[in-house]
Amino acid sequence: MTSFDLEEILTRHADNLNAGQDTTADLVREFGMLWPELDSILHLAQNLKEILIPQIAPRSLLSLLKEDLKEGLDPITIGRPRRSGWLWVGAAASLIAGGAGLFFWWRSRGGTPAAPLEI
């Protein structure tokens, strides 16, 4: 048997536990010789099933969450951060400041274009 078969055994055990049937002893008897730790794994799954009780949210909470999602999300921007207009203003200001700096640097060096080389 392969690990895929072990997965099938664990799935069968979980399905039986969800249906209210405890088939731990039957599965250990049938497949226990292949996996010595199967008994411990199945008992752990059984204990977790008893401890972890699914919590059902009240309908009022679910309806509020759905309303918030419908109002707050734009389908086009899901998964993308919204870009602020201030980002564009900052980019434009830095370009203008850089251009002005280059202009004043050029003017401080004489401010005239270089004469073409005469050959």
Protein backbone atom coordinates (compact mmCIF):
# COMPACT_ATOMS: atom_id res chain seq x y z
CA MET A 1 0.00 0.00 0.00
CA THR A 2 1.16 3.55 -0.65
CA SER A 3 0.70 6.84 1.19
CA PHE A 4 -2.24 7.55 -1.10
CA ASP A 5 -3.94 4.50 0.37
CA LEU A 6 -3.28 5.87 3.85
CA GLU A 7 -4.94 9.08 2.75
CA GLU A 8 -7.98 7.08 1.65
CA ILE A 9 -8.11 5.34 5.04
CA LEU A 10 -7.94 8.66 6.88
CA THR A 11 -10.62 10.12 4.61
CA ARG A 12 -12.87 7.13 5.20
CA HIS A 13 -12.33 7.45 8.96
CA ALA A 14 -13.15 11.18 8.89
CA ASP A 15 -16.28 10.58 6.81
CA ASN A 16 -17.44 7.90 9.23
CA LEU A 17 -16.78 10.16 12.23
CA ASN A 18 -18.75 12.96 10.56
CA ALA A 19 -21.60 10.49 10.01
CA GLY A 20 -21.53 9.58 13.70
CA GLN A 21 -19.92 6.15 13.29
CA ASP A 22 -16.70 5.11 15.02
CA THR A 23 -14.82 2.71 12.74
CA THR A 24 -11.44 3.15 14.44
CA ALA A 25 -11.21 -0.46 15.66
CA ASP A 26 -12.26 -1.87 12.29
CA LEU A 27 -9.70 0.19 10.38
CA VAL A 28 -6.92 -0.67 12.83
CA ARG A 29 -7.80 -4.35 12.54
CA GLU A 30 -7.82 -4.16 8.74
CA PHE A 31 -4.79 -1.91 8.12
CA GLY A 32 -2.91 -1.76 11.44
CA MET A 33 -0.24 -4.24 10.41
CA LEU A 34 0.84 -1.94 7.54
CA TRP A 35 1.14 1.18 9.71
CA PRO A 36 1.90 0.56 13.38
CA GLU A 37 1.07 4.20 14.19
CA LEU A 38 -2.38 4.01 12.52
CA ASP A 39 -4.10 3.30 15.85
CA SER A 40 -2.64 6.48 17.39
CA ILE A 41 -3.46 8.58 14.33
CA LEU A 42 -7.07 7.43 14.20
CA HIS A 43 -7.56 7.94 17.94
CA LEU A 44 -6.10 11.43 17.62
CA ALA A 45 -8.54 12.19 14.82
CA GLN A 46 -11.38 10.87 16.97
CA ASN A 47 -10.30 13.06 19.92
CA LEU A 48 -10.02 16.12 17.69
CA LYS A 49 -13.49 15.47 16.31
CA GLU A 50 -14.88 15.45 19.86
CA ILE A 51 -12.95 18.55 20.97
CA LEU A 52 -13.25 20.76 17.89
CA ILE A 53 -16.91 21.56 17.56
CA PRO A 54 -17.77 23.66 14.50
CA GLN A 55 -19.20 27.05 15.40
CA ILE A 56 -22.01 28.38 13.27
CA ALA A 57 -22.22 32.13 12.93
CA PRO A 58 -25.62 33.75 13.46
CA ARG A 59 -27.48 34.71 10.30
CA SER A 60 -27.47 38.37 11.33
CA LEU A 61 -23.65 38.39 11.42
CA LEU A 62 -23.41 36.67 8.05
CA SER A 63 -25.79 39.14 6.44
CA LEU A 64 -23.84 42.08 7.90
CA LEU A 65 -20.59 40.69 6.56
CA LYS A 66 -22.08 40.17 3.10
CA GLU A 67 -23.41 43.74 3.07
CA ASP A 68 -20.01 45.11 4.08
CA LEU A 69 -18.29 43.11 1.37
CA LYS A 70 -20.72 44.24 -1.30
CA GLU A 71 -20.38 47.89 -0.33
CA GLY A 72 -16.66 48.01 0.35
CA LEU A 73 -15.09 46.10 -2.51
CA ASP A 74 -14.78 47.16 -6.08
CA PRO A 75 -14.39 44.06 -8.27
CA ILE A 76 -11.69 45.71 -10.36
CA THR A 77 -9.45 46.61 -7.42
CA ILE A 78 -9.66 43.35 -5.47
CA GLY A 79 -6.16 42.16 -4.68
CA ARG A 80 -4.58 45.45 -5.73
CA PRO A 81 -3.76 48.26 -3.32
CA ARG A 82 -5.47 51.53 -4.15
CA ARG A 83 -3.10 54.18 -5.39
CA SER A 84 -3.53 57.61 -3.93
CA GLY A 85 -3.52 60.78 -6.00
CA TRP A 86 -0.80 62.05 -3.67
CA LEU A 87 1.59 59.53 -5.16
CA TRP A 88 1.23 61.16 -8.57
CA VAL A 89 1.60 64.66 -7.08
CA GLY A 90 4.81 63.61 -5.32
CA ALA A 91 6.21 62.07 -8.48
CA ALA A 92 5.46 65.21 -10.50
CA ALA A 93 6.98 67.46 -7.82
CA SER A 94 10.18 65.42 -7.72
CA LEU A 95 10.48 65.57 -11.52
CA ILE A 96 10.00 69.33 -11.51
CA ALA A 97 12.54 69.78 -8.69
CA GLY A 98 15.05 67.56 -10.49
CA GLY A 99 14.58 69.47 -13.74
CA ALA A 100 14.97 72.82 -11.98
CA GLY A 101 18.13 71.56 -10.26
CA LEU A 102 19.65 70.49 -13.57
CA PHE A 103 18.71 73.83 -15.12
CA PHE A 104 20.37 75.85 -12.34
CA TRP A 105 23.44 73.59 -12.39
CA TRP A 106 23.76 74.12 -16.13
CA ARG A 107 23.38 77.92 -15.73
CA SER A 108 26.05 77.99 -13.00
CA ARG A 109 28.54 76.37 -15.39
CA GLY A 110 28.20 79.09 -17.99
CA GLY A 111 24.75 78.50 -19.29
CA THR A 112 25.66 78.34 -22.93
CA PRO A 113 25.67 75.29 -25.10
CA ALA A 114 29.05 73.91 -26.02
CA ALA A 115 30.43 75.16 -29.28
CA PRO A 116 30.69 72.54 -31.98
CA LEU A 117 34.14 71.12 -32.48
CA GLU A 118 35.96 72.52 -35.44
CA ILE A 119 38.05 70.12 -37.40
